[in-house]
Amino acid sequence: MDLSPRQAEFADAALRLVARDGLSAVTFRSLAAEAGMSLGAVQKAFPSKEQLLRAMFGRLRETASLPALGEPGRPTLRDWFVALMVTVLPLDAPRRAAELQGAAFVERAPFDAEIGMAVAASDQELRAAFASLVRRAQAEAEVPASIDPDATAWAVLAFMQGMASQLTYDPVAEEAVRDQCRLIVDALLHGSQAGEHDEPASP
């Protein structure tokens, strides 16, 4: 939906409330206080709570994008996946806020068809991009041909989303997160080969 500057200002203020106190904290009255405006101004901008939520979701989608990490899949797919994970996971205040905002709408998705379709489409786009990178890495002999690109893409995204959720309430140091990401990516891209050098072979 197209927003006026005032509507965008209110939507951004509402997203700040979500990051701080959750979606349930967003009311016309709390939004007016957050934005430093009158209750009437909020109600004039958004006649219904549903319109406000749509505006918030639209603003969130405008600002949510994968970071620029150079050419996708380079220098190796393993290194790129690990760098992507560490860059997007909520390891600082801005990324934690973005994760909490996104999670609020993912929680709403099963009960709102429009939001559900948008979230699903975003996931499908990411999985398709990841699978394409796996196939290229296979063609370049970086990843074994036995690895299923589509299943790997599902697993990568599921791990990222799951760890992002956990980190919002159970923070972990970045280096520990990086180590865990390396372990998962190695296992996904090389299957049983991951970690086989960690233990000596049996005599």
N, C-alpha and C. Protein backbone atom coordinates (compact mmCIF):
# COMPACT_ATOMS: atom_id res chain seq x y z
N MET A 1 0.84 -1.19 0.00
CA MET A 1 0.00 0.00 0.00
C MET A 1 0.88 1.25 0.00
N ASP A 2 0.41 2.28 -0.70
CA ASP A 2 1.14 3.55 -0.73
C ASP A 2 0.81 4.34 0.54
N LEU A 3 1.86 4.83 1.19
CA LEU A 3 1.69 5.55 2.44
C LEU A 3 2.05 7.01 2.28
N SER A 4 1.33 7.86 2.96
CA SER A 4 1.71 9.27 3.04
C SER A 4 2.89 9.38 3.99
N PRO A 5 3.62 10.48 3.95
CA PRO A 5 4.72 10.66 4.90
C PRO A 5 4.28 10.51 6.36
N ARG A 6 3.10 11.01 6.69
CA ARG A 6 2.61 10.90 8.06
C ARG A 6 2.32 9.44 8.41
N GLN A 7 1.69 8.73 7.49
CA GLN A 7 1.41 7.31 7.74
C GLN A 7 2.70 6.51 7.91
N ALA A 8 3.69 6.80 7.08
CA ALA A 8 4.97 6.11 7.20
C ALA A 8 5.63 6.41 8.54
N GLU A 9 5.51 7.65 8.99
CA GLU A 9 6.07 8.03 10.29
C GLU A 9 5.40 7.24 11.42
N PHE A 10 4.09 7.13 11.34
CA PHE A 10 3.37 6.38 12.37
C PHE A 10 3.72 4.88 12.30
N ALA A 11 3.81 4.35 11.10
CA ALA A 11 4.14 2.92 10.95
C ALA A 11 5.52 2.62 11.52
N ASP A 12 6.47 3.50 11.28
CA ASP A 12 7.81 3.31 11.83
C ASP A 12 7.81 3.38 13.36
N ALA A 13 7.02 4.30 13.88
CA ALA A 13 6.91 4.40 15.34
C ALA A 13 6.28 3.14 15.92
N ALA A 14 5.29 2.60 15.22
CA ALA A 14 4.65 1.37 15.69
C ALA A 14 5.63 0.20 15.67
N LEU A 15 6.49 0.15 14.66
CA LEU A 15 7.49 -0.91 14.61
C LEU A 15 8.49 -0.78 15.75
N ARG A 16 8.78 0.43 16.16
CA ARG A 16 9.66 0.60 17.34
C ARG A 16 8.99 0.02 18.57
N LEU A 17 7.68 0.23 18.70
CA LEU A 17 6.95 -0.35 19.82
C LEU A 17 7.02 -1.88 19.79
N VAL A 18 6.88 -2.44 18.60
CA VAL A 18 6.95 -3.90 18.47
C VAL A 18 8.30 -4.41 18.94
N ALA A 19 9.38 -3.75 18.51
CA ALA A 19 10.72 -4.18 18.88
C ALA A 19 10.95 -4.07 20.39
N ARG A 20 10.29 -3.13 21.01
CA ARG A 20 10.50 -2.90 22.44
C ARG A 20 9.57 -3.72 23.32
N ASP A 21 8.29 -3.82 22.91
CA ASP A 21 7.30 -4.43 23.80
C ASP A 21 6.40 -5.47 23.14
N GLY A 22 6.59 -5.75 21.87
CA GLY A 22 5.76 -6.75 21.20
C GLY A 22 4.57 -6.14 20.48
N LEU A 23 3.98 -6.93 19.59
CA LEU A 23 2.87 -6.44 18.77
C LEU A 23 1.65 -6.06 19.60
N SER A 24 1.44 -6.75 20.71
CA SER A 24 0.28 -6.45 21.54
C SER A 24 0.35 -5.07 22.17
N ALA A 25 1.56 -4.50 22.21
CA ALA A 25 1.72 -3.16 22.80
C ALA A 25 1.27 -2.04 21.87
N VAL A 26 1.03 -2.38 20.61
CA VAL A 26 0.65 -1.36 19.63
C VAL A 26 -0.84 -1.07 19.71
N THR A 27 -1.18 0.08 20.24
CA THR A 27 -2.55 0.59 20.25
C THR A 27 -2.50 2.01 19.69
N PHE A 28 -3.62 2.55 19.33
CA PHE A 28 -3.63 3.93 18.84
C PHE A 28 -3.09 4.89 19.91
N ARG A 29 -3.42 4.61 21.16
CA ARG A 29 -2.99 5.51 22.23
C ARG A 29 -1.47 5.40 22.45
N SER A 30 -0.93 4.16 22.48
CA SER A 30 0.51 4.00 22.68
C SER A 30 1.29 4.53 21.49
N LEU A 31 0.71 4.39 20.30
CA LEU A 31 1.37 4.90 19.10
C LEU A 31 1.42 6.42 19.12
N ALA A 32 0.35 7.05 19.55
CA ALA A 32 0.34 8.51 19.64
C ALA A 32 1.43 8.99 20.59
N ALA A 33 1.58 8.30 21.72
CA ALA A 33 2.62 8.68 22.68
C ALA A 33 4.01 8.45 22.11
N GLU A 34 4.20 7.35 21.42
CA GLU A 34 5.51 7.04 20.83
C GLU A 34 5.89 8.05 19.77
N ALA A 35 4.92 8.46 18.97
CA ALA A 35 5.19 9.39 17.87
C ALA A 35 5.16 10.84 18.31
N GLY A 36 4.69 11.10 19.54
CA GLY A 36 4.58 12.47 20.02
C GLY A 36 3.48 13.24 19.31
N MET A 37 2.42 12.53 18.95
CA MET A 37 1.30 13.15 18.25
C MET A 37 0.02 12.89 19.02
N SER A 38 -1.07 13.48 18.56
CA SER A 38 -2.35 13.30 19.25
C SER A 38 -3.00 11.99 18.82
N LEU A 39 -3.89 11.49 19.68
CA LEU A 39 -4.64 10.29 19.34
C LEU A 39 -5.47 10.52 18.08
N GLY A 40 -6.02 11.71 17.95
CA GLY A 40 -6.82 12.02 16.77
C GLY A 40 -6.01 11.97 15.48
N ALA A 41 -4.75 12.38 15.56
CA ALA A 41 -3.89 12.34 14.37
C ALA A 41 -3.66 10.91 13.92
N VAL A 42 -3.48 10.00 14.88
CA VAL A 42 -3.28 8.59 14.54
C VAL A 42 -4.55 8.02 13.91
N GLN A 43 -5.69 8.32 14.50
CA GLN A 43 -6.95 7.79 13.98
C GLN A 43 -7.30 8.37 12.62
N LYS A 44 -6.86 9.58 12.37
CA LYS A 44 -7.08 10.18 11.05
C LYS A 44 -6.21 9.48 10.01
N ALA A 45 -4.99 9.14 10.38
CA ALA A 45 -4.08 8.47 9.45
C ALA A 45 -4.50 7.03 9.18
N PHE A 46 -5.02 6.37 10.23
CA PHE A 46 -5.42 4.97 10.11
C PHE A 46 -6.78 4.78 10.78
N PRO A 47 -7.84 4.76 10.00
CA PRO A 47 -9.18 4.59 10.58
C PRO A 47 -9.37 3.27 11.32
N SER A 48 -8.54 2.25 10.99
CA SER A 48 -8.68 0.96 11.67
C SER A 48 -7.31 0.41 12.04
N LYS A 49 -7.31 -0.47 13.04
CA LYS A 49 -6.07 -1.13 13.46
C LYS A 49 -5.54 -1.99 12.32
N GLU A 50 -6.42 -2.58 11.54
CA GLU A 50 -6.00 -3.43 10.44
C GLU A 50 -5.19 -2.64 9.41
N GLN A 51 -5.62 -1.42 9.12
CA GLN A 51 -4.88 -0.58 8.18
C GLN A 51 -3.50 -0.23 8.73
N LEU A 52 -3.43 0.00 10.01
CA LEU A 52 -2.14 0.28 10.63
C LEU A 52 -1.21 -0.93 10.51
N LEU A 53 -1.73 -2.12 10.77
CA LEU A 53 -0.90 -3.32 10.68
C LEU A 53 -0.39 -3.54 9.26
N ARG A 54 -1.24 -3.28 8.28
CA ARG A 54 -0.82 -3.41 6.88
C ARG A 54 0.31 -2.42 6.58
N ALA A 55 0.18 -1.22 7.08
CA ALA A 55 1.21 -0.20 6.85
C ALA A 55 2.52 -0.61 7.52
N MET A 56 2.43 -1.15 8.72
CA MET A 56 3.63 -1.60 9.43
C MET A 56 4.32 -2.73 8.66
N PHE A 57 3.54 -3.66 8.18
CA PHE A 57 4.11 -4.79 7.43
C PHE A 57 4.75 -4.30 6.14
N GLY A 58 4.11 -3.34 5.49
CA GLY A 58 4.68 -2.78 4.27
C GLY A 58 6.00 -2.09 4.52
N ARG A 59 6.07 -1.31 5.58
CA ARG A 59 7.32 -0.62 5.93
C ARG A 59 8.41 -1.63 6.29
N LEU A 60 8.04 -2.67 7.00
CA LEU A 60 9.02 -3.68 7.37
C LEU A 60 9.60 -4.36 6.14
N ARG A 61 8.75 -4.67 5.17
CA ARG A 61 9.23 -5.32 3.95
C ARG A 61 10.11 -4.40 3.12
N GLU A 62 9.83 -3.10 3.17
CA GLU A 62 10.66 -2.15 2.43
C GLU A 62 12.09 -2.11 2.96
N THR A 63 12.22 -2.25 4.26
CA THR A 63 13.54 -2.10 4.88
C THR A 63 14.26 -3.44 5.07
N ALA A 64 13.55 -4.55 4.92
CA ALA A 64 14.16 -5.87 5.13
C ALA A 64 14.76 -6.37 3.83
N SER A 65 16.05 -6.60 3.83
CA SER A 65 16.73 -7.15 2.66
C SER A 65 18.02 -7.82 3.11
N LEU A 66 18.49 -8.76 2.31
CA LEU A 66 19.75 -9.41 2.64
C LEU A 66 20.89 -8.42 2.48
N PRO A 67 21.89 -8.53 3.32
CA PRO A 67 23.03 -7.61 3.22
C PRO A 67 23.85 -7.87 1.97
N ALA A 68 24.54 -6.85 1.52
CA ALA A 68 25.43 -7.01 0.37
C ALA A 68 26.73 -7.65 0.85
N LEU A 69 26.98 -8.87 0.39
CA LEU A 69 28.18 -9.59 0.81
C LEU A 69 29.05 -9.94 -0.39
N GLY A 70 29.04 -9.08 -1.39
CA GLY A 70 29.78 -9.40 -2.61
C GLY A 70 28.98 -10.36 -3.46
N GLU A 71 29.64 -11.02 -4.38
CA GLU A 71 28.95 -11.95 -5.28
C GLU A 71 28.43 -13.14 -4.48
N PRO A 72 27.14 -13.48 -4.61
CA PRO A 72 26.59 -14.61 -3.87
C PRO A 72 27.38 -15.90 -4.12
N GLY A 73 27.66 -16.61 -3.03
CA GLY A 73 28.35 -17.89 -3.15
C GLY A 73 29.84 -17.81 -3.29
N ARG A 74 30.41 -16.61 -3.18
CA ARG A 74 31.86 -16.45 -3.34
C ARG A 74 32.48 -15.93 -2.06
N PRO A 75 33.73 -16.25 -1.76
CA PRO A 75 34.67 -17.05 -2.57
C PRO A 75 34.32 -18.53 -2.60
N THR A 76 33.68 -19.02 -1.54
CA THR A 76 33.14 -20.37 -1.56
C THR A 76 31.73 -20.29 -1.01
N LEU A 77 30.90 -21.26 -1.36
CA LEU A 77 29.53 -21.26 -0.86
C LEU A 77 29.52 -21.41 0.66
N ARG A 78 30.41 -22.25 1.19
CA ARG A 78 30.50 -22.42 2.64
C ARG A 78 30.77 -21.09 3.32
N ASP A 79 31.79 -20.38 2.87
CA ASP A 79 32.14 -19.10 3.51
C ASP A 79 31.02 -18.09 3.37
N TRP A 80 30.36 -18.09 2.21
CA TRP A 80 29.29 -17.12 1.97
C TRP A 80 28.09 -17.39 2.87
N PHE A 81 27.72 -18.67 3.00
CA PHE A 81 26.60 -19.00 3.88
C PHE A 81 26.89 -18.60 5.32
N VAL A 82 28.10 -18.90 5.79
CA VAL A 82 28.46 -18.55 7.17
C VAL A 82 28.43 -17.04 7.35
N ALA A 83 29.00 -16.30 6.40
CA ALA A 83 29.01 -14.84 6.50
C ALA A 83 27.59 -14.29 6.49
N LEU A 84 26.74 -14.85 5.64
CA LEU A 84 25.34 -14.41 5.58
C LEU A 84 24.65 -14.62 6.93
N MET A 85 24.82 -15.80 7.48
CA MET A 85 24.17 -16.10 8.76
C MET A 85 24.61 -15.15 9.86
N VAL A 86 25.92 -14.97 9.99
CA VAL A 86 26.44 -14.12 11.05
C VAL A 86 26.01 -12.66 10.85
N THR A 87 25.85 -12.26 9.60
CA THR A 87 25.47 -10.88 9.31
C THR A 87 24.00 -10.60 9.62
N VAL A 88 23.13 -11.57 9.39
CA VAL A 88 21.69 -11.31 9.56
C VAL A 88 21.16 -11.73 10.93
N LEU A 89 21.86 -12.62 11.61
CA LEU A 89 21.36 -13.07 12.92
C LEU A 89 21.36 -11.90 13.92
N PRO A 90 20.43 -11.92 14.87
CA PRO A 90 20.27 -10.78 15.80
C PRO A 90 21.36 -10.73 16.87
N LEU A 91 22.54 -10.27 16.46
CA LEU A 91 23.69 -10.23 17.36
C LEU A 91 23.98 -8.82 17.88
N ASP A 92 23.15 -7.85 17.51
CA ASP A 92 23.27 -6.50 18.06
C ASP A 92 21.87 -5.90 18.12
N ALA A 93 21.77 -4.72 18.67
CA ALA A 93 20.45 -4.12 18.90
C ALA A 93 19.64 -3.89 17.63
N PRO A 94 20.22 -3.32 16.55
CA PRO A 94 19.41 -3.11 15.34
C PRO A 94 18.91 -4.42 14.73
N ARG A 95 19.77 -5.44 14.69
CA ARG A 95 19.34 -6.71 14.11
C ARG A 95 18.34 -7.42 15.01
N ARG A 96 18.48 -7.26 16.32
CA ARG A 96 17.51 -7.84 17.23
C ARG A 96 16.14 -7.19 17.03
N ALA A 97 16.13 -5.88 16.87
CA ALA A 97 14.87 -5.17 16.63
C ALA A 97 14.22 -5.66 15.34
N ALA A 98 15.02 -5.80 14.29
CA ALA A 98 14.48 -6.27 13.01
C ALA A 98 13.92 -7.67 13.13
N GLU A 99 14.61 -8.53 13.86
CA GLU A 99 14.13 -9.90 14.05
C GLU A 99 12.82 -9.93 14.83
N LEU A 100 12.72 -9.13 15.89
CA LEU A 100 11.49 -9.10 16.68
C LEU A 100 10.32 -8.56 15.86
N GLN A 101 10.59 -7.57 15.03
CA GLN A 101 9.53 -7.02 14.18
C GLN A 101 9.06 -8.06 13.17
N GLY A 102 10.01 -8.72 12.52
CA GLY A 102 9.64 -9.74 11.55
C GLY A 102 8.91 -10.90 12.20
N ALA A 103 9.40 -11.33 13.37
CA ALA A 103 8.78 -12.46 14.06
C ALA A 103 7.34 -12.16 14.45
N ALA A 104 7.04 -10.91 14.77
CA ALA A 104 5.68 -10.54 15.15
C ALA A 104 4.71 -10.80 14.00
N PHE A 105 5.15 -10.53 12.78
CA PHE A 105 4.27 -10.74 11.63
C PHE A 105 4.26 -12.20 11.18
N VAL A 106 5.37 -12.90 11.37
CA VAL A 106 5.38 -14.34 11.08
C VAL A 106 4.38 -15.05 12.00
N GLU A 107 4.32 -14.63 13.26
CA GLU A 107 3.36 -15.21 14.20
C GLU A 107 1.93 -14.93 13.76
N ARG A 108 1.72 -13.81 13.10
CA ARG A 108 0.37 -13.44 12.64
C ARG A 108 0.01 -14.14 11.33
N ALA A 109 1.02 -14.58 10.58
CA ALA A 109 0.82 -15.11 9.23
C ALA A 109 -0.20 -16.25 9.13
N PRO A 110 -0.25 -17.20 10.07
CA PRO A 110 -1.25 -18.28 9.93
C PRO A 110 -2.69 -17.80 9.99
N PHE A 111 -2.90 -16.60 10.51
CA PHE A 111 -4.26 -16.09 10.71
C PHE A 111 -4.61 -14.93 9.78
N ASP A 112 -3.67 -14.58 8.90
CA ASP A 112 -3.86 -13.46 7.97
C ASP A 112 -3.34 -13.90 6.61
N ALA A 113 -4.26 -14.17 5.69
CA ALA A 113 -3.88 -14.76 4.41
C ALA A 113 -2.90 -13.88 3.64
N GLU A 114 -3.12 -12.58 3.65
CA GLU A 114 -2.25 -11.69 2.88
C GLU A 114 -0.83 -11.69 3.43
N ILE A 115 -0.70 -11.58 4.74
CA ILE A 115 0.62 -11.62 5.35
C ILE A 115 1.24 -13.00 5.16
N GLY A 116 0.44 -14.04 5.33
CA GLY A 116 0.94 -15.40 5.15
C GLY A 116 1.50 -15.62 3.76
N MET A 117 0.80 -15.15 2.74
CA MET A 117 1.28 -15.32 1.36
C MET A 117 2.57 -14.54 1.12
N ALA A 118 2.66 -13.35 1.71
CA ALA A 118 3.87 -12.54 1.53
C ALA A 118 5.07 -13.18 2.19
N VAL A 119 4.88 -13.69 3.41
CA VAL A 119 5.98 -14.36 4.12
C VAL A 119 6.40 -15.62 3.38
N ALA A 120 5.42 -16.40 2.92
CA ALA A 120 5.72 -17.63 2.19
C ALA A 120 6.48 -17.34 0.89
N ALA A 121 6.07 -16.29 0.18
CA ALA A 121 6.74 -15.93 -1.06
C ALA A 121 8.18 -15.52 -0.82
N SER A 122 8.42 -14.80 0.28
CA SER A 122 9.78 -14.40 0.62
C SER A 122 10.64 -15.62 0.93
N ASP A 123 10.09 -16.57 1.69
CA ASP A 123 10.82 -17.79 2.01
C ASP A 123 11.13 -18.58 0.74
N GLN A 124 10.15 -18.69 -0.15
CA GLN A 124 10.34 -19.44 -1.39
C GLN A 124 11.43 -18.81 -2.26
N GLU A 125 11.45 -17.48 -2.30
CA GLU A 125 12.47 -16.78 -3.08
C GLU A 125 13.87 -17.05 -2.53
N LEU A 126 14.00 -17.03 -1.21
CA LEU A 126 15.30 -17.30 -0.60
C LEU A 126 15.73 -18.74 -0.84
N ARG A 127 14.81 -19.68 -0.67
CA ARG A 127 15.16 -21.09 -0.87
C ARG A 127 15.58 -21.34 -2.31
N ALA A 128 14.89 -20.72 -3.26
CA ALA A 128 15.25 -20.90 -4.66
C ALA A 128 16.65 -20.36 -4.94
N ALA A 129 16.97 -19.21 -4.35
CA ALA A 129 18.30 -18.62 -4.55
C ALA A 129 19.37 -19.51 -3.92
N PHE A 130 19.12 -20.00 -2.72
CA PHE A 130 20.09 -20.87 -2.06
C PHE A 130 20.31 -22.16 -2.85
N ALA A 131 19.22 -22.77 -3.33
CA ALA A 131 19.34 -24.01 -4.09
C ALA A 131 20.13 -23.79 -5.37
N SER A 132 19.92 -22.65 -6.01
CA SER A 132 20.66 -22.34 -7.23
C SER A 132 22.16 -22.24 -6.95
N LEU A 133 22.50 -21.65 -5.81
CA LEU A 133 23.92 -21.54 -5.44
C LEU A 133 24.52 -22.91 -5.14
N VAL A 134 23.75 -23.78 -4.53
CA VAL A 134 24.24 -25.14 -4.26
C VAL A 134 24.50 -25.86 -5.58
N ARG A 135 23.60 -25.72 -6.53
CA ARG A 135 23.79 -26.38 -7.83
C ARG A 135 25.04 -25.85 -8.53
N ARG A 136 25.27 -24.56 -8.44
CA ARG A 136 26.49 -24.01 -9.05
C ARG A 136 27.73 -24.56 -8.35
N ALA A 137 27.68 -24.64 -7.04
CA ALA A 137 28.82 -25.18 -6.30
C ALA A 137 29.06 -26.64 -6.65
N GLN A 138 28.00 -27.37 -6.92
CA GLN A 138 28.16 -28.76 -7.36
C GLN A 138 28.83 -28.82 -8.73
N ALA A 139 28.40 -27.94 -9.63
CA ALA A 139 28.99 -27.92 -10.97
C ALA A 139 30.47 -27.56 -10.93
N GLU A 140 30.87 -26.81 -9.89
CA GLU A 140 32.27 -26.41 -9.74
C GLU A 140 33.03 -27.34 -8.81
N ALA A 141 32.40 -28.45 -8.44
CA ALA A 141 33.03 -29.49 -7.61
C ALA A 141 33.35 -29.03 -6.19
N GLU A 142 32.69 -27.98 -5.73
CA GLU A 142 32.86 -27.56 -4.34
C GLU A 142 31.98 -28.39 -3.41
N VAL A 143 30.81 -28.77 -3.90
CA VAL A 143 29.84 -29.52 -3.12
C VAL A 143 29.58 -30.85 -3.81
N PRO A 144 29.53 -31.96 -3.05
CA PRO A 144 29.30 -33.27 -3.66
C PRO A 144 27.98 -33.34 -4.42
N ALA A 145 27.99 -34.11 -5.49
CA ALA A 145 26.79 -34.26 -6.31
C ALA A 145 25.67 -34.96 -5.55
N SER A 146 26.01 -35.68 -4.48
CA SER A 146 25.00 -36.41 -3.71
C SER A 146 24.12 -35.51 -2.84
N ILE A 147 24.55 -34.26 -2.66
CA ILE A 147 23.79 -33.33 -1.83
C ILE A 147 22.55 -32.86 -2.59
N ASP A 148 21.41 -32.84 -1.93
CA ASP A 148 20.15 -32.38 -2.55
C ASP A 148 20.06 -30.86 -2.40
N PRO A 149 20.13 -30.11 -3.51
CA PRO A 149 20.11 -28.64 -3.41
C PRO A 149 18.86 -28.08 -2.75
N ASP A 150 17.70 -28.64 -3.09
CA ASP A 150 16.46 -28.10 -2.54
C ASP A 150 16.34 -28.40 -1.04
N ALA A 151 16.69 -29.61 -0.64
CA ALA A 151 16.64 -29.95 0.78
C ALA A 151 17.65 -29.11 1.57
N THR A 152 18.81 -28.87 0.97
CA THR A 152 19.83 -28.05 1.63
C THR A 152 19.33 -26.62 1.81
N ALA A 153 18.68 -26.09 0.78
CA ALA A 153 18.13 -24.73 0.88
C ALA A 153 17.09 -24.64 1.99
N TRP A 154 16.20 -25.63 2.08
CA TRP A 154 15.22 -25.66 3.16
C TRP A 154 15.92 -25.67 4.51
N ALA A 155 16.95 -26.51 4.64
CA ALA A 155 17.64 -26.65 5.93
C ALA A 155 18.39 -25.38 6.32
N VAL A 156 19.03 -24.73 5.35
CA VAL A 156 19.76 -23.50 5.64
C VAL A 156 18.80 -22.43 6.16
N LEU A 157 17.69 -22.24 5.47
CA LEU A 157 16.75 -21.20 5.89
C LEU A 157 16.12 -21.56 7.24
N ALA A 158 15.78 -22.82 7.43
CA ALA A 158 15.18 -23.24 8.70
C ALA A 158 16.15 -23.02 9.86
N PHE A 159 17.42 -23.33 9.65
CA PHE A 159 18.41 -23.10 10.70
C PHE A 159 18.54 -21.61 11.01
N MET A 160 18.62 -20.79 9.96
CA MET A 160 18.75 -19.35 10.18
C MET A 160 17.56 -18.80 10.96
N GLN A 161 16.36 -19.22 10.57
CA GLN A 161 15.16 -18.71 11.23
C GLN A 161 15.07 -19.21 12.67
N GLY A 162 15.41 -20.48 12.89
CA GLY A 162 15.36 -21.03 14.23
C GLY A 162 16.38 -20.40 15.16
N MET A 163 17.60 -20.25 14.68
CA MET A 163 18.64 -19.66 15.52
C MET A 163 18.32 -18.18 15.78
N ALA A 164 17.81 -17.48 14.78
CA ALA A 164 17.44 -16.08 14.98
C ALA A 164 16.42 -15.94 16.09
N SER A 165 15.43 -16.82 16.10
CA SER A 165 14.41 -16.78 17.15
C SER A 165 15.03 -17.04 18.52
N GLN A 166 15.88 -18.04 18.63
CA GLN A 166 16.48 -18.39 19.91
C GLN A 166 17.37 -17.26 20.44
N LEU A 167 18.09 -16.61 19.55
CA LEU A 167 19.01 -15.57 19.98
C LEU A 167 18.31 -14.34 20.55
N THR A 168 17.02 -14.17 20.24
CA THR A 168 16.31 -13.01 20.79
C THR A 168 16.08 -13.14 22.29
N TYR A 169 16.01 -14.39 22.79
CA TYR A 169 15.80 -14.57 24.23
C TYR A 169 16.96 -15.28 24.93
N ASP A 170 17.91 -15.80 24.14
CA ASP A 170 19.06 -16.49 24.72
C ASP A 170 20.32 -16.06 23.95
N PRO A 171 20.79 -14.84 24.18
CA PRO A 171 21.92 -14.30 23.42
C PRO A 171 23.18 -15.14 23.61
N VAL A 172 23.96 -15.22 22.53
CA VAL A 172 25.22 -15.97 22.52
C VAL A 172 26.28 -15.10 21.87
N ALA A 173 27.51 -15.23 22.30
CA ALA A 173 28.60 -14.44 21.73
C ALA A 173 28.74 -14.73 20.23
N GLU A 174 29.12 -13.71 19.47
CA GLU A 174 29.19 -13.85 18.02
C GLU A 174 30.12 -14.97 17.59
N GLU A 175 31.26 -15.12 18.22
CA GLU A 175 32.20 -16.16 17.79
C GLU A 175 31.61 -17.55 17.99
N ALA A 176 30.86 -17.74 19.09
CA ALA A 176 30.20 -19.03 19.31
C ALA A 176 29.14 -19.28 18.24
N VAL A 177 28.42 -18.23 17.88
CA VAL A 177 27.43 -18.36 16.81
C VAL A 177 28.11 -18.71 15.49
N ARG A 178 29.21 -18.04 15.21
CA ARG A 178 29.94 -18.31 13.96
C ARG A 178 30.39 -19.77 13.91
N ASP A 179 30.89 -20.28 15.03
CA ASP A 179 31.34 -21.67 15.08
C ASP A 179 30.17 -22.62 14.81
N GLN A 180 29.02 -22.32 15.39
CA GLN A 180 27.85 -23.17 15.18
C GLN A 180 27.39 -23.11 13.73
N CYS A 181 27.45 -21.93 13.15
CA CYS A 181 27.07 -21.78 11.74
C CYS A 181 28.00 -22.59 10.84
N ARG A 182 29.30 -22.53 11.11
CA ARG A 182 30.26 -23.31 10.32
C ARG A 182 29.95 -24.81 10.41
N LEU A 183 29.66 -25.26 11.62
CA LEU A 183 29.36 -26.68 11.83
C LEU A 183 28.15 -27.11 11.02
N ILE A 184 27.09 -26.32 11.08
CA ILE A 184 25.85 -26.65 10.37
C ILE A 184 26.07 -26.60 8.86
N VAL A 185 26.72 -25.56 8.37
CA VAL A 185 26.94 -25.43 6.93
C VAL A 185 27.82 -26.56 6.42
N ASP A 186 28.86 -26.90 7.16
CA ASP A 186 29.72 -28.02 6.74
C ASP A 186 28.92 -29.31 6.64
N ALA A 187 28.08 -29.56 7.64
CA ALA A 187 27.28 -30.78 7.63
C ALA A 187 26.30 -30.80 6.46
N LEU A 188 25.70 -29.66 6.16
CA LEU A 188 24.72 -29.60 5.08
C LEU A 188 25.36 -29.71 3.70
N LEU A 189 26.51 -29.07 3.53
CA LEU A 189 27.13 -29.06 2.21
C LEU A 189 27.98 -30.29 1.93
N HIS A 190 28.37 -31.01 2.97
CA HIS A 190 29.24 -32.16 2.75
C HIS A 190 28.73 -33.43 3.39
N GLY A 191 27.56 -33.37 3.98
CA GLY A 191 26.94 -34.58 4.51
C GLY A 191 27.84 -35.29 5.50
N SER A 192 28.04 -36.56 5.28
CA SER A 192 28.83 -37.38 6.20
C SER A 192 30.29 -37.01 6.21
N GLN A 193 30.73 -36.20 5.20
CA GLN A 193 32.13 -35.81 5.17
C GLN A 193 32.44 -34.77 6.24
N ALA A 194 31.40 -34.05 6.74
CA ALA A 194 31.64 -32.99 7.71
C ALA A 194 32.21 -33.57 8.99
N GLY A 195 33.34 -33.03 9.42
CA GLY A 195 33.93 -33.40 10.68
C GLY A 195 34.67 -34.72 10.66
N GLU A 196 34.80 -35.37 9.48
CA GLU A 196 35.44 -36.66 9.48
C GLU A 196 36.94 -36.57 9.75
N HIS A 197 37.49 -35.36 9.69
CA HIS A 197 38.90 -35.20 10.02
C HIS A 197 39.10 -34.90 11.51
N ASP A 198 37.98 -34.77 12.25
CA ASP A 198 38.09 -34.42 13.66
C ASP A 198 38.52 -35.61 14.50
N GLU A 199 38.28 -36.87 14.01
CA GLU A 199 38.62 -38.04 14.77
C GLU A 199 39.55 -38.92 13.94
N PRO A 200 40.52 -39.55 14.58
CA PRO A 200 41.41 -40.43 13.82
C PRO A 200 40.67 -41.65 13.32
N ALA A 201 41.11 -42.16 12.21
CA ALA A 201 40.50 -43.36 11.66
C ALA A 201 40.82 -44.55 12.54
N SER A 202 39.92 -45.52 12.56
CA SER A 202 40.15 -46.72 13.36
C SER A 202 41.26 -47.53 12.74
N PRO A 203 42.10 -48.17 13.53
CA PRO A 203 43.19 -48.98 12.98
C PRO A 203 42.65 -50.20 12.26
